[in-house]
Amino acid sequence: MNGRFGSDHDGPDEGLELSDVQTMFAEFATNLPELPLYAAICRGVAADPEAAAPLLAASAGQRRPVLWLAALHDLVLRDPAVAAARWYAGAAARDPAPPGDPWPDVRCTVLEHRDTLTETIATHSTQTNEVNRAVYLAAAFGAACADVAEQTVALVEMGASAGLLLLLDHYRIERRSSHGNSLVGAPHSPVVCVGEDRSDTVSPAAPLPIVASRVGLDLHPVAIDDVVGLRWLEACLWPDVPGRLERFRSAVELAREHPPTLVRGDMVDDLAAVVALAQQNARPSSQVVVFSSWALTYVARERRQRVAEVLDRAAARGVPVSWVTAEPMGCMPGVTLPPSLTAHDATTVLAVRRWRDGSETEPRVLGTCHPHGEWIDLTVG
């Protein structure tokens, strides 16, 4: 598997058999021992074909344990009376989860609500709107825009969900290390994003450029007043990680004050129109910054280069264009990995492709990071 959270998608996965699904759950449990609840659940699913079977109903590219786990979490959020709910302390607003093995209660819930879970899996896709990703996105934006920092930004997110990451300049973003801490964004924001900086040396963080417009593109965008849609985004968060749910809800409240523009559409086919919309809503001289975080991995490999073609045409008009990605290893087309990284490393890669004066410059790998922003390392080479 390429990455700790699911395989890199290279095309339709209709050929997956039940045994393959169970293997994915076993690998998930092995790779994430720091998540005691989800690791225990995945070990149970890996040994139980009846419990694993609902994942076969997922659409192409979505047959990953995270979708199965989100469907179960969604059920807990909807009905805190189900047997599994007592293990989801934060989600079900209960006392801390009891000690012991959650699998008997989880299996009971899964089998009793099999039809509901299967329908959820068949009709939904993973949408992890993790706000703490702002930690590494802020660093990447600073690096990508350093040469044109004085120009405002027309910001576009691929796979935006509710568009919470489009508001990263409204968040307090901290990188902490033994070399010293850095802070960008809004110092007094109610939304605080924190990550460990593991870089060999830490320099002052580049300030974020001024965002003139922000547009999110998603097949299933979630409006900020969509209660059911927001519950699904909560369900995609992992209850094992303290603070995630509270940070998400704070970001939602802030987004109600500053709602970004969201467009329903395909991340590749509709990108040109969305970039044009973002430019229309910004100043004519604004630079274009397009970004994705764990979204391009769900796009078939052969379609990814078309993003660069869209941006190449946008850059032909003379404005600076940057494409920032935080994706599993090998997802960013046109980027050569440095010798310190191999195609089999289980990490998230920060990379950027830039167009200046109508031509593309040399693509760069900026560093690596935890997919949810818990740490960042800008040491590459």
Protein backbone atom coordinates (compact mmCIF):
# COMPACT_ATOMS: atom_id res chain seq x y z
CA MET A 1 0.00 0.00 0.00
CA ASN A 2 1.29 3.46 -0.85
CA GLY A 3 0.81 5.50 2.29
CA ARG A 4 -0.57 4.70 5.71
CA PHE A 5 -4.21 5.45 4.99
CA GLY A 6 -5.00 3.58 1.79
CA SER A 7 -3.53 2.62 -1.53
CA ASP A 8 -2.79 5.17 -4.21
CA HIS A 9 -5.65 4.91 -6.68
CA ASP A 10 -4.53 3.97 -10.18
CA GLY A 11 -7.93 3.29 -11.64
CA PRO A 12 -11.19 1.44 -11.02
CA ASP A 13 -11.07 -1.11 -8.21
CA GLU A 14 -14.11 -3.22 -9.14
CA GLY A 15 -11.80 -6.24 -9.21
CA LEU A 16 -11.18 -6.17 -5.47
CA GLU A 17 -12.35 -9.32 -3.74
CA LEU A 18 -13.49 -9.70 -0.15
CA SER A 19 -10.12 -11.14 0.86
CA ASP A 20 -8.43 -8.02 -0.56
CA VAL A 21 -10.71 -5.82 1.51
CA GLN A 22 -9.87 -7.76 4.66
CA THR A 23 -6.17 -7.41 3.90
CA MET A 24 -6.57 -3.63 3.65
CA PHE A 25 -8.14 -3.56 7.11
CA ALA A 26 -5.30 -5.67 8.52
CA GLU A 27 -2.71 -3.30 7.02
CA PHE A 28 -4.58 -0.27 8.35
CA ALA A 29 -4.50 -1.71 11.87
CA THR A 30 -0.79 -2.53 11.60
CA ASN A 31 0.15 0.89 10.23
CA LEU A 32 -1.78 2.91 12.80
CA PRO A 33 -1.14 1.48 16.27
CA GLU A 34 -1.47 5.00 17.72
CA LEU A 35 -5.22 4.82 17.01
CA PRO A 36 -6.34 2.22 19.57
CA LEU A 37 -10.06 2.31 18.73
CA TYR A 38 -9.71 2.19 14.95
CA ALA A 39 -6.83 -0.30 15.09
CA ALA A 40 -8.93 -2.67 17.22
CA ILE A 41 -11.95 -2.29 14.94
CA CYS A 42 -9.86 -2.92 11.83
CA ARG A 43 -8.33 -6.04 13.32
CA GLY A 44 -11.85 -7.29 13.94
CA VAL A 45 -13.01 -6.50 10.39
CA ALA A 46 -9.89 -8.12 8.92
CA ALA A 47 -10.89 -11.43 10.54
CA ASP A 48 -14.62 -11.15 9.80
CA PRO A 49 -15.72 -11.35 6.15
CA GLU A 50 -19.34 -10.66 7.06
CA ALA A 51 -18.39 -7.34 8.64
CA ALA A 52 -15.99 -6.43 5.83
CA ALA A 53 -18.43 -7.14 2.99
CA PRO A 54 -20.28 -3.75 3.01
CA LEU A 55 -17.16 -2.02 1.72
CA LEU A 56 -17.57 -3.88 -1.59
CA ALA A 57 -20.55 -1.57 -2.25
CA ALA A 58 -18.27 1.49 -2.47
CA SER A 59 -17.81 3.29 -5.76
CA ALA A 60 -14.60 2.94 -7.76
CA GLY A 61 -11.60 4.37 -5.97
CA GLN A 62 -13.41 4.53 -2.62
CA ARG A 63 -12.90 0.98 -1.36
CA ARG A 64 -10.69 1.94 1.54
CA PRO A 65 -11.08 1.23 5.27
CA VAL A 66 -11.50 4.93 6.02
CA LEU A 67 -14.86 4.93 4.20
CA TRP A 68 -16.13 1.92 6.16
CA LEU A 69 -15.00 3.56 9.40
CA ALA A 70 -16.68 6.84 8.46
CA ALA A 71 -19.96 5.04 7.72
CA LEU A 72 -19.89 3.44 11.17
CA HIS A 73 -19.00 6.76 12.82
CA ASP A 74 -21.89 8.43 10.96
CA LEU A 75 -24.26 5.81 12.36
CA VAL A 76 -22.97 6.52 15.89
CA LEU A 77 -23.48 10.26 15.41
CA ARG A 78 -27.02 9.66 14.18
CA ASP A 79 -27.95 7.14 16.86
CA PRO A 80 -25.91 7.26 20.10
CA ALA A 81 -28.01 4.37 21.39
CA VAL A 82 -26.27 1.77 19.18
CA ALA A 83 -23.97 -0.64 20.99
CA ALA A 84 -20.80 0.73 19.37
CA ALA A 85 -21.48 4.29 20.55
CA ARG A 86 -20.05 3.81 24.03
CA TRP A 87 -16.60 3.48 22.46
CA TYR A 88 -16.91 6.86 20.71
CA ALA A 89 -16.62 9.08 23.77
CA GLY A 90 -16.41 12.43 21.98
CA ALA A 91 -18.78 11.60 19.14
CA ALA A 92 -21.54 10.32 21.38
CA ALA A 93 -20.94 12.97 24.08
CA ARG A 94 -20.39 10.25 26.66
CA ASP A 95 -17.87 9.64 29.39
CA PRO A 96 -14.45 8.35 28.28
CA ALA A 97 -14.64 4.99 26.53
CA PRO A 98 -14.38 1.97 28.82
CA PRO A 99 -11.35 -0.33 28.82
CA GLY A 100 -11.52 -3.57 26.91
CA ASP A 101 -12.20 -4.77 23.38
CA PRO A 102 -14.68 -2.69 21.33
CA TRP A 103 -15.08 -5.33 18.63
CA PRO A 104 -18.04 -7.30 20.11
CA ASP A 105 -20.14 -4.12 20.36
CA VAL A 106 -18.97 -2.88 16.98
CA ARG A 107 -19.69 -6.20 15.28
CA CYS A 108 -23.16 -6.29 16.82
CA THR A 109 -23.85 -2.77 15.52
CA VAL A 110 -22.49 -3.53 12.06
CA LEU A 111 -24.59 -6.66 11.62
CA GLU A 112 -27.75 -5.10 13.04
CA HIS A 113 -27.42 -2.08 10.76
CA ARG A 114 -25.77 -3.75 7.80
CA ASP A 115 -28.23 -2.36 5.22
CA THR A 116 -27.83 1.20 6.49
CA LEU A 117 -24.04 0.95 6.52
CA THR A 118 -23.97 -0.56 3.04
CA GLU A 119 -26.16 2.22 1.67
CA THR A 120 -23.98 4.89 3.27
CA ILE A 121 -20.84 3.31 1.83
CA ALA A 122 -22.44 3.02 -1.61
CA THR A 123 -23.62 6.64 -1.72
CA HIS A 124 -20.78 8.52 -0.01
CA SER A 125 -17.11 9.25 -0.52
CA THR A 126 -14.40 10.03 1.98
CA GLN A 127 -14.31 13.76 2.79
CA THR A 128 -11.78 14.44 5.50
CA ASN A 129 -12.01 18.20 5.99
CA GLU A 130 -9.19 18.20 8.55
CA VAL A 131 -8.53 21.84 9.42
CA ASN A 132 -5.11 21.11 10.95
CA ARG A 133 -3.79 20.51 7.44
CA ALA A 134 -3.40 24.30 7.44
CA VAL A 135 -0.07 23.66 9.23
CA TYR A 136 1.65 22.30 6.16
CA LEU A 137 -0.44 24.18 3.59
CA ALA A 138 0.59 27.51 5.11
CA ALA A 139 4.25 26.49 4.82
CA ALA A 140 3.74 25.35 1.23
CA PHE A 141 1.91 28.53 0.24
CA GLY A 142 4.68 30.64 1.73
CA ALA A 143 7.31 28.76 -0.27
CA ALA A 144 5.28 28.68 -3.49
CA CYS A 145 4.43 32.39 -3.43
CA ALA A 146 7.66 33.79 -2.00
CA ASP A 147 8.73 35.38 -5.30
CA VAL A 148 5.34 37.07 -5.85
CA ALA A 149 4.28 37.58 -2.23
CA GLU A 150 3.11 41.12 -2.91
CA GLN A 151 0.40 39.92 -5.30
CA THR A 152 -3.00 38.92 -3.98
CA VAL A 153 -4.19 35.35 -4.48
CA ALA A 154 -7.09 33.78 -6.33
CA LEU A 155 -7.24 30.57 -4.26
CA VAL A 156 -8.74 27.30 -5.55
CA GLU A 157 -9.06 24.03 -3.65
CA MET A 158 -9.52 20.69 -5.39
CA GLY A 159 -11.67 18.40 -3.25
CA ALA A 160 -12.85 21.17 -0.95
CA SER A 161 -15.72 19.48 0.96
CA ALA A 162 -17.05 22.42 3.02
CA GLY A 163 -14.14 24.66 2.00
CA LEU A 164 -12.71 25.02 5.50
CA LEU A 165 -9.09 24.96 4.31
CA LEU A 166 -9.82 27.86 1.99
CA LEU A 167 -10.03 29.96 5.16
CA LEU A 168 -6.57 29.04 6.47
CA ASP A 169 -5.54 32.71 6.68
CA HIS A 170 -8.31 33.13 9.29
CA TYR A 171 -6.71 30.49 11.56
CA ARG A 172 -3.89 30.70 14.09
CA ILE A 173 -1.24 28.37 12.61
CA GLU A 174 1.70 27.33 14.78
CA ARG A 175 4.78 25.24 14.01
CA ARG A 176 6.65 24.18 17.13
CA SER A 177 10.17 22.80 17.43
CA SER A 178 13.24 22.76 19.64
CA HIS A 179 14.70 25.43 17.34
CA GLY A 180 11.83 27.80 18.10
CA ASN A 181 8.20 28.33 17.16
CA SER A 182 6.62 30.17 14.25
CA LEU A 183 3.19 31.69 13.87
CA VAL A 184 1.22 32.79 10.80
CA GLY A 185 -2.41 33.56 10.12
CA ALA A 186 -4.74 35.22 12.62
CA PRO A 187 -3.12 35.23 16.09
CA HIS A 188 -6.41 35.55 18.00
CA SER A 189 -8.46 33.12 15.92
CA PRO A 190 -10.70 30.62 17.76
CA VAL A 191 -9.36 28.00 15.35
CA VAL A 192 -5.86 26.93 16.38
CA CYS A 193 -3.80 24.61 14.17
CA VAL A 194 -0.58 23.21 15.63
CA GLY A 195 2.10 20.91 14.27
CA GLU A 196 5.61 19.82 15.17
CA ASP A 197 8.34 21.12 12.85
CA ARG A 198 10.85 18.31 12.34
CA SER A 199 13.02 20.20 9.86
CA ASP A 200 16.78 20.17 10.54
CA THR A 201 16.71 23.93 10.84
CA VAL A 202 13.67 26.14 11.28
CA SER A 203 13.53 29.61 9.74
CA PRO A 204 10.79 32.19 10.33
CA ALA A 205 7.60 31.20 8.53
CA ALA A 206 6.84 33.25 5.43
CA PRO A 207 3.68 35.30 5.92
CA LEU A 208 0.62 34.17 4.05
CA PRO A 209 -0.23 36.18 0.93
CA ILE A 210 -3.45 38.18 0.92
CA VAL A 211 -6.34 36.10 -0.43
CA ALA A 212 -8.56 38.09 -2.79
CA SER A 213 -10.95 35.25 -3.69
CA ARG A 214 -11.45 31.64 -2.69
CA VAL A 215 -13.35 28.92 -4.56
CA GLY A 216 -13.65 25.23 -3.73
CA LEU A 217 -14.35 22.45 -6.24
CA ASP A 218 -15.87 19.16 -5.12
CA LEU A 219 -18.13 16.44 -6.51
CA HIS A 220 -20.15 16.68 -3.31
CA PRO A 221 -19.58 20.11 -1.75
CA VAL A 222 -21.05 20.62 1.70
CA ALA A 223 -22.84 23.90 2.35
CA ILE A 224 -22.08 25.44 5.71
CA ASP A 225 -25.77 25.18 6.70
CA ASP A 226 -26.14 21.54 5.56
CA VAL A 227 -26.61 19.67 8.86
CA VAL A 228 -26.51 16.20 7.30
CA GLY A 229 -23.50 17.04 5.16
CA LEU A 230 -21.58 18.47 8.10
CA ARG A 231 -22.35 15.38 10.15
CA TRP A 232 -20.74 13.29 7.41
CA LEU A 233 -17.62 15.44 7.57
CA GLU A 234 -17.54 14.87 11.33
CA ALA A 235 -17.92 11.15 10.71
CA CYS A 236 -14.82 11.21 8.51
CA LEU A 237 -12.78 12.53 11.45
CA TRP A 238 -11.08 9.93 13.62
CA PRO A 239 -12.38 9.86 17.22
CA ASP A 240 -9.02 8.56 18.43
CA VAL A 241 -7.39 11.96 17.88
CA PRO A 242 -8.15 14.49 20.65
CA GLY A 243 -9.22 17.97 19.61
CA ARG A 244 -10.12 17.24 16.00
CA LEU A 245 -13.87 17.42 16.48
CA GLU A 246 -13.70 20.63 18.52
CA ARG A 247 -11.40 22.31 15.98
CA PHE A 248 -13.68 21.27 13.12
CA ARG A 249 -16.74 22.72 14.82
CA SER A 250 -14.92 26.00 15.54
CA ALA A 251 -13.92 26.22 11.88
CA VAL A 252 -17.51 25.64 10.81
CA GLU A 253 -18.67 28.51 12.99
CA LEU A 254 -16.02 30.77 11.51
CA ALA A 255 -16.97 29.69 7.98
CA ARG A 256 -20.55 30.77 8.65
CA GLU A 257 -19.15 34.29 9.04
CA HIS A 258 -16.89 34.03 5.97
CA PRO A 259 -18.48 31.46 3.63
CA PRO A 260 -16.25 30.49 0.70
CA THR A 261 -17.67 29.90 -2.77
CA LEU A 262 -18.20 26.18 -3.44
CA VAL A 263 -18.76 24.66 -6.88
CA ARG A 264 -20.08 21.17 -7.57
CA GLY A 265 -18.01 19.48 -10.23
CA ASP A 266 -15.20 17.15 -11.25
CA MET A 267 -11.75 18.07 -9.93
CA VAL A 268 -10.23 17.75 -13.40
CA ASP A 269 -12.97 18.37 -15.95
CA ASP A 270 -14.34 21.49 -14.23
CA LEU A 271 -11.08 22.96 -12.95
CA ALA A 272 -10.62 25.47 -15.78
CA ALA A 273 -14.04 27.02 -15.15
CA VAL A 274 -13.39 27.25 -11.40
CA VAL A 275 -9.98 28.86 -11.89
CA ALA A 276 -11.64 31.40 -14.19
CA LEU A 277 -14.29 32.07 -11.53
CA ALA A 278 -11.66 32.63 -8.86
CA GLN A 279 -9.82 35.04 -11.15
CA GLN A 280 -13.05 36.85 -11.94
CA ASN A 281 -13.67 37.38 -8.21
CA ALA A 282 -10.12 38.65 -7.62
CA ARG A 283 -8.03 41.47 -9.04
CA PRO A 284 -6.88 41.05 -12.66
CA SER A 285 -3.24 40.91 -11.50
CA SER A 286 -3.86 38.31 -8.75
CA GLN A 287 -1.77 35.17 -8.82
CA VAL A 288 -3.56 31.82 -8.99
CA VAL A 289 -2.87 29.19 -6.33
CA VAL A 290 -4.51 25.77 -6.74
CA PHE A 291 -4.07 23.18 -4.01
CA SER A 292 -5.15 19.72 -2.93
CA SER A 293 -4.54 17.67 0.21
CA TRP A 294 -5.28 13.97 -0.02
CA ALA A 295 -7.72 14.58 -2.88
CA LEU A 296 -5.61 13.94 -5.99
CA THR A 297 -5.04 10.39 -4.73
CA TYR A 298 -8.68 9.67 -5.59
CA VAL A 299 -8.18 10.82 -9.20
CA ALA A 300 -7.10 8.12 -11.65
CA ARG A 301 -3.39 8.43 -12.38
CA GLU A 302 -3.84 8.99 -16.10
CA ARG A 303 -6.05 12.06 -15.47
CA ARG A 304 -3.76 13.90 -13.06
CA GLN A 305 -1.51 15.46 -15.70
CA ARG A 306 -4.57 17.19 -17.14
CA VAL A 307 -4.52 19.49 -14.11
CA ALA A 308 -1.12 20.79 -15.22
CA GLU A 309 -2.49 21.33 -18.73
CA VAL A 310 -5.33 23.46 -17.35
CA LEU A 311 -2.92 25.54 -15.30
CA ASP A 312 -0.51 25.88 -18.21
CA ARG A 313 -3.31 27.51 -20.21
CA ALA A 314 -4.20 29.79 -17.28
CA ALA A 315 -0.55 30.85 -16.97
CA ALA A 316 -0.38 31.70 -20.66
CA ARG A 317 -2.28 34.89 -19.83
CA GLY A 318 0.78 36.10 -17.92
CA VAL A 319 -0.33 35.80 -14.28
CA PRO A 320 1.73 33.71 -11.83
CA VAL A 321 0.23 30.27 -11.23
CA SER A 322 1.18 27.77 -8.50
CA TRP A 323 -0.06 24.21 -7.95
CA VAL A 324 0.52 22.99 -4.39
CA THR A 325 -0.13 19.38 -3.42
CA ALA A 326 0.02 17.40 -0.19
CA GLU A 327 -0.59 13.86 -1.38
CA PRO A 328 0.62 10.29 -0.90
CA MET A 329 3.92 9.40 -2.52
CA GLY A 330 3.81 9.46 -6.31
CA CYS A 331 0.50 11.28 -6.75
CA MET A 332 1.90 14.58 -8.06
CA PRO A 333 2.64 14.23 -11.79
CA GLY A 334 5.81 15.79 -13.15
CA VAL A 335 7.64 15.90 -9.81
CA THR A 336 10.85 13.93 -9.34
CA LEU A 337 11.39 12.58 -5.84
CA PRO A 338 14.72 13.47 -4.19
CA PRO A 339 17.10 10.61 -3.28
CA SER A 340 16.00 10.77 0.37
CA LEU A 341 12.51 9.62 -0.60
CA THR A 342 11.46 6.40 -2.30
CA ALA A 343 8.22 5.45 -3.96
CA HIS A 344 7.43 3.08 -1.11
CA ASP A 345 7.80 5.54 1.76
CA ALA A 346 4.65 5.82 3.83
CA THR A 347 4.45 9.57 4.02
CA THR A 348 2.71 12.60 2.56
CA VAL A 349 4.73 14.69 0.13
CA LEU A 350 4.49 18.47 -0.17
CA ALA A 351 5.25 19.57 -3.71
CA VAL A 352 4.74 22.56 -5.95
CA ARG A 353 4.68 23.25 -9.68
CA ARG A 354 4.84 26.90 -10.70
CA TRP A 355 4.35 28.94 -13.84
CA ARG A 356 5.96 32.35 -14.16
CA ASP A 357 5.82 34.70 -17.18
CA GLY A 358 3.83 32.07 -19.06
CA SER A 359 6.28 29.19 -18.63
CA GLU A 360 6.64 26.43 -16.05
CA THR A 361 9.64 26.53 -13.75
CA GLU A 362 11.39 23.52 -12.23
CA PRO A 363 8.95 21.50 -10.05
CA ARG A 364 9.97 21.19 -6.39
CA VAL A 365 9.44 18.81 -3.52
CA LEU A 366 9.12 21.05 -0.46
CA GLY A 367 9.13 18.37 2.22
CA THR A 368 7.05 15.72 3.91
CA CYS A 369 4.32 15.87 6.51
CA HIS A 370 1.75 13.95 8.50
CA PRO A 371 -1.46 13.91 6.44
CA HIS A 372 -3.39 15.68 9.22
CA GLY A 373 -0.73 18.26 10.03
CA GLU A 374 0.62 16.72 13.23
CA TRP A 375 4.18 17.27 11.94
CA ILE A 376 6.03 18.74 8.99
CA ASP A 377 9.59 18.24 7.75
CA LEU A 378 10.94 20.67 5.16
CA THR A 379 14.26 18.83 5.00
CA VAL A 380 14.58 17.12 1.61
CA GLY A 381 17.40 16.20 -0.70
